[in-house]
Amino acid sequence: MKRNGAQWRSSAYKKFSSQIEHCTWFESYVLSVVTSTAVYHWHVGDISALIAKKFDRTPSGGRGRAHSVTYSTGVKYCLVSTKFAPDAVLWSLEVYSLDRQASQCTMDAHAGCFANVKLTGRAEASTLLCQ
């Protein structure tokens, strides 16, 4: 069944059980959607593709509004940056391991990123969280 673009976007939007707080492209055809309760991946170019829930956000990570989402190289880790209130100075970072399917930690910080660094004595590069 062929759908027009407006119907498709409307039906896709209804798939989210809570309010969408942030969206960003993390691959040329995959949109990362952050809601107040979860993070999803949406393969936008494929009408038959499902919107996949990647993980539930931790209660402490979901106290504020998500403002950014960042992925490590190879999409092994996800970092969600949350601001507690529009005029607040308090921010938190929620780190999630997609490989382990587990929240790694939530910390008080304004921003963060991932870096691949070759450490002395290690055969492979390590993924470091910079905050």
C-alpha atoms as a PDB file:
ATOM      1  CA  MET A   1       0.000   0.000   0.000  1.00  0.00           C
ATOM      2  CA  LYS A   2       1.405   3.344  -1.040  1.00  0.00           C
ATOM      3  CA  ARG A   3       1.009   6.237   1.368  1.00  0.00           C
ATOM      4  CA  ASN A   4       1.506   9.913   0.744  1.00  0.00           C
ATOM      5  CA  GLY A   5       4.240  11.691   2.706  1.00  0.00           C
ATOM      6  CA  ALA A   6       1.908  13.481   5.132  1.00  0.00           C
ATOM      7  CA  GLN A   7       0.133  10.262   6.146  1.00  0.00           C
ATOM      8  CA  TRP A   8       3.468   8.464   6.606  1.00  0.00           C
ATOM      9  CA  ARG A   9       4.975  11.225   8.773  1.00  0.00           C
ATOM     10  CA  SER A  10       1.808  11.432  10.856  1.00  0.00           C
ATOM     11  CA  SER A  11       1.665   7.681  11.470  1.00  0.00           C
ATOM     12  CA  ALA A  12       5.386   7.549  12.286  1.00  0.00           C
ATOM     13  CA  TYR A  13       5.044  10.402  14.793  1.00  0.00           C
ATOM     14  CA  LYS A  14       2.295   8.482  16.614  1.00  0.00           C
ATOM     15  CA  LYS A  15       4.737   5.602  17.286  1.00  0.00           C
ATOM     16  CA  PHE A  16       6.351   7.542  20.123  1.00  0.00           C
ATOM     17  CA  SER A  17       4.718   7.012  23.512  1.00  0.00           C
ATOM     18  CA  SER A  18       6.092  10.227  25.019  1.00  0.00           C
ATOM     19  CA  GLN A  19       6.978  13.735  23.882  1.00  0.00           C
ATOM     20  CA  ILE A  20       9.863  14.085  21.413  1.00  0.00           C
ATOM     21  CA  GLU A  21      12.566  16.282  22.981  1.00  0.00           C
ATOM     22  CA  HIS A  22      15.405  16.123  20.465  1.00  0.00           C
ATOM     23  CA  CYS A  23      16.157  14.737  16.997  1.00  0.00           C
ATOM     24  CA  THR A  24      19.457  14.550  15.131  1.00  0.00           C
ATOM     25  CA  TRP A  25      20.942  12.703  12.177  1.00  0.00           C
ATOM     26  CA  PHE A  26      23.656  10.293  13.249  1.00  0.00           C
ATOM     27  CA  GLU A  27      23.945   8.581   9.860  1.00  0.00           C
ATOM     28  CA  SER A  28      22.891   9.926   6.491  1.00  0.00           C
ATOM     29  CA  TYR A  29      19.602   8.013   6.604  1.00  0.00           C
ATOM     30  CA  VAL A  30      19.056   7.346  10.320  1.00  0.00           C
ATOM     31  CA  LEU A  31      17.421   9.851  12.633  1.00  0.00           C
ATOM     32  CA  SER A  32      18.055   9.552  16.362  1.00  0.00           C
ATOM     33  CA  VAL A  33      14.926  10.560  18.268  1.00  0.00           C
ATOM     34  CA  VAL A  34      15.080  11.278  22.008  1.00  0.00           C
ATOM     35  CA  THR A  35      11.870  11.348  24.014  1.00  0.00           C
ATOM     36  CA  SER A  36      11.446  11.931  27.728  1.00  0.00           C
ATOM     37  CA  THR A  37      11.558   8.163  28.331  1.00  0.00           C
ATOM     38  CA  ALA A  38      13.591   6.515  25.539  1.00  0.00           C
ATOM     39  CA  VAL A  39      15.949   6.850  22.556  1.00  0.00           C
ATOM     40  CA  TYR A  40      14.855   5.559  19.139  1.00  0.00           C
ATOM     41  CA  HIS A  41      16.453   5.081  15.714  1.00  0.00           C
ATOM     42  CA  TRP A  42      14.333   5.779  12.664  1.00  0.00           C
ATOM     43  CA  HIS A  43      15.511   4.722   9.185  1.00  0.00           C
ATOM     44  CA  VAL A  44      13.766   7.623   7.491  1.00  0.00           C
ATOM     45  CA  GLY A  45      14.335   6.734   3.832  1.00  0.00           C
ATOM     46  CA  ASP A  46      12.614   3.345   4.116  1.00  0.00           C
ATOM     47  CA  ILE A  47       8.841   3.539   4.516  1.00  0.00           C
ATOM     48  CA  SER A  48       8.694  -0.132   5.547  1.00  0.00           C
ATOM     49  CA  ALA A  49      11.369   0.331   8.251  1.00  0.00           C
ATOM     50  CA  LEU A  50      10.233   0.222  11.826  1.00  0.00           C
ATOM     51  CA  ILE A  51      11.104   2.818  14.426  1.00  0.00           C
ATOM     52  CA  ALA A  52      13.406   0.894  16.756  1.00  0.00           C
ATOM     53  CA  LYS A  53      13.652   1.650  20.461  1.00  0.00           C
ATOM     54  CA  LYS A  54      17.358   1.519  21.348  1.00  0.00           C
ATOM     55  CA  PHE A  55      17.050   2.012  25.100  1.00  0.00           C
ATOM     56  CA  ASP A  56      14.985   3.447  27.940  1.00  0.00           C
ATOM     57  CA  ARG A  57      16.394   6.545  29.594  1.00  0.00           C
ATOM     58  CA  THR A  58      17.204   6.334  33.293  1.00  0.00           C
ATOM     59  CA  PRO A  59      14.834   8.130  35.671  1.00  0.00           C
ATOM     60  CA  SER A  60      17.638  10.484  36.744  1.00  0.00           C
ATOM     61  CA  GLY A  61      18.570  11.177  33.107  1.00  0.00           C
ATOM     62  CA  GLY A  62      14.984  11.941  32.189  1.00  0.00           C
ATOM     63  CA  ARG A  63      14.423  14.628  34.846  1.00  0.00           C
ATOM     64  CA  GLY A  64      15.024  17.417  32.339  1.00  0.00           C
ATOM     65  CA  ARG A  65      14.735  18.038  28.609  1.00  0.00           C
ATOM     66  CA  ALA A  66      17.207  16.384  26.232  1.00  0.00           C
ATOM     67  CA  HIS A  67      19.247  18.933  24.267  1.00  0.00           C
ATOM     68  CA  SER A  68      21.705  16.737  22.388  1.00  0.00           C
ATOM     69  CA  VAL A  69      22.612  13.155  21.626  1.00  0.00           C
ATOM     70  CA  THR A  70      26.073  11.989  20.546  1.00  0.00           C
ATOM     71  CA  TYR A  71      27.353   8.584  19.457  1.00  0.00           C
ATOM     72  CA  SER A  72      30.813   7.061  19.669  1.00  0.00           C
ATOM     73  CA  THR A  73      32.575   5.751  16.584  1.00  0.00           C
ATOM     74  CA  GLY A  74      31.002   2.433  15.686  1.00  0.00           C
ATOM     75  CA  VAL A  75      27.837   3.408  17.612  1.00  0.00           C
ATOM     76  CA  LYS A  76      28.891   1.512  20.744  1.00  0.00           C
ATOM     77  CA  TYR A  77      28.010   4.281  23.206  1.00  0.00           C
ATOM     78  CA  CYS A  78      25.336   6.981  23.297  1.00  0.00           C
ATOM     79  CA  LEU A  79      25.545  10.219  25.292  1.00  0.00           C
ATOM     80  CA  VAL A  80      22.355  12.195  26.027  1.00  0.00           C
ATOM     81  CA  SER A  81      22.780  15.730  27.372  1.00  0.00           C
ATOM     82  CA  THR A  82      19.866  16.963  29.511  1.00  0.00           C
ATOM     83  CA  LYS A  83      19.093  20.421  30.895  1.00  0.00           C
ATOM     84  CA  PHE A  84      16.915  20.446  34.010  1.00  0.00           C
ATOM     85  CA  ALA A  85      15.031  23.720  33.385  1.00  0.00           C
ATOM     86  CA  PRO A  86      15.081  26.502  30.751  1.00  0.00           C
ATOM     87  CA  ASP A  87      16.882  28.939  33.079  1.00  0.00           C
ATOM     88  CA  ALA A  88      18.837  26.322  35.068  1.00  0.00           C
ATOM     89  CA  VAL A  89      22.585  25.920  35.185  1.00  0.00           C
ATOM     90  CA  LEU A  90      22.250  22.226  36.051  1.00  0.00           C
ATOM     91  CA  TRP A  91      22.835  19.721  33.242  1.00  0.00           C
ATOM     92  CA  SER A  92      23.401  15.982  33.234  1.00  0.00           C
ATOM     93  CA  LEU A  93      24.976  13.485  30.851  1.00  0.00           C
ATOM     94  CA  GLU A  94      23.568   9.990  30.507  1.00  0.00           C
ATOM     95  CA  VAL A  95      25.921   7.372  29.020  1.00  0.00           C
ATOM     96  CA  TYR A  96      24.474   4.195  27.564  1.00  0.00           C
ATOM     97  CA  SER A  97      26.347   1.159  26.174  1.00  0.00           C
ATOM     98  CA  LEU A  98      24.496  -0.127  23.120  1.00  0.00           C
ATOM     99  CA  ASP A  99      26.650  -3.295  23.090  1.00  0.00           C
ATOM    100  CA  ARG A 100      25.874  -4.176  26.713  1.00  0.00           C
ATOM    101  CA  GLN A 101      22.316  -2.785  26.581  1.00  0.00           C
ATOM    102  CA  ALA A 102      22.940  -1.030  29.892  1.00  0.00           C
ATOM    103  CA  SER A 103      23.145   2.482  31.268  1.00  0.00           C
ATOM    104  CA  GLN A 104      26.750   3.158  32.201  1.00  0.00           C
ATOM    105  CA  CYS A 105      26.261   6.236  34.353  1.00  0.00           C
ATOM    106  CA  THR A 106      24.603   9.610  34.746  1.00  0.00           C
ATOM    107  CA  MET A 107      26.809  12.543  35.733  1.00  0.00           C
ATOM    108  CA  ASP A 108      26.486  16.275  36.317  1.00  0.00           C
ATOM    109  CA  ALA A 109      28.128  18.015  33.355  1.00  0.00           C
ATOM    110  CA  HIS A 110      27.231  20.482  30.583  1.00  0.00           C
ATOM    111  CA  ALA A 111      28.621  18.681  27.546  1.00  0.00           C
ATOM    112  CA  GLY A 112      30.579  15.648  26.479  1.00  0.00           C
ATOM    113  CA  CYS A 113      31.988  13.854  23.484  1.00  0.00           C
ATOM    114  CA  PHE A 114      33.755  10.633  22.595  1.00  0.00           C
ATOM    115  CA  ALA A 115      37.354  10.339  21.393  1.00  0.00           C
ATOM    116  CA  ASN A 116      39.246   7.328  20.060  1.00  0.00           C
ATOM    117  CA  VAL A 117      42.742   7.326  21.554  1.00  0.00           C
ATOM    118  CA  LYS A 118      45.580   4.846  21.115  1.00  0.00           C
ATOM    119  CA  LEU A 119      46.961   4.236  24.607  1.00  0.00           C
ATOM    120  CA  THR A 120      50.462   2.926  25.280  1.00  0.00           C
ATOM    121  CA  GLY A 121      50.460  -0.833  25.754  1.00  0.00           C
ATOM    122  CA  ARG A 122      47.085  -1.422  24.076  1.00  0.00           C
ATOM    123  CA  ALA A 123      46.699  -3.053  20.676  1.00  0.00           C
ATOM    124  CA  GLU A 124      43.474  -1.241  19.813  1.00  0.00           C
ATOM    125  CA  ALA A 125      42.272   2.333  20.262  1.00  0.00           C
ATOM    126  CA  SER A 126      40.166   3.026  23.358  1.00  0.00           C
ATOM    127  CA  THR A 127      36.955   5.028  23.411  1.00  0.00           C
ATOM    128  CA  LEU A 128      37.236   7.837  25.954  1.00  0.00           C
ATOM    129  CA  LEU A 129      34.418   9.990  27.255  1.00  0.00           C
ATOM    130  CA  CYS A 130      35.469  13.633  27.456  1.00  0.00           C
ATOM    131  CA  GLN A 131      33.439  16.036  29.567  1.00  0.00           C
END
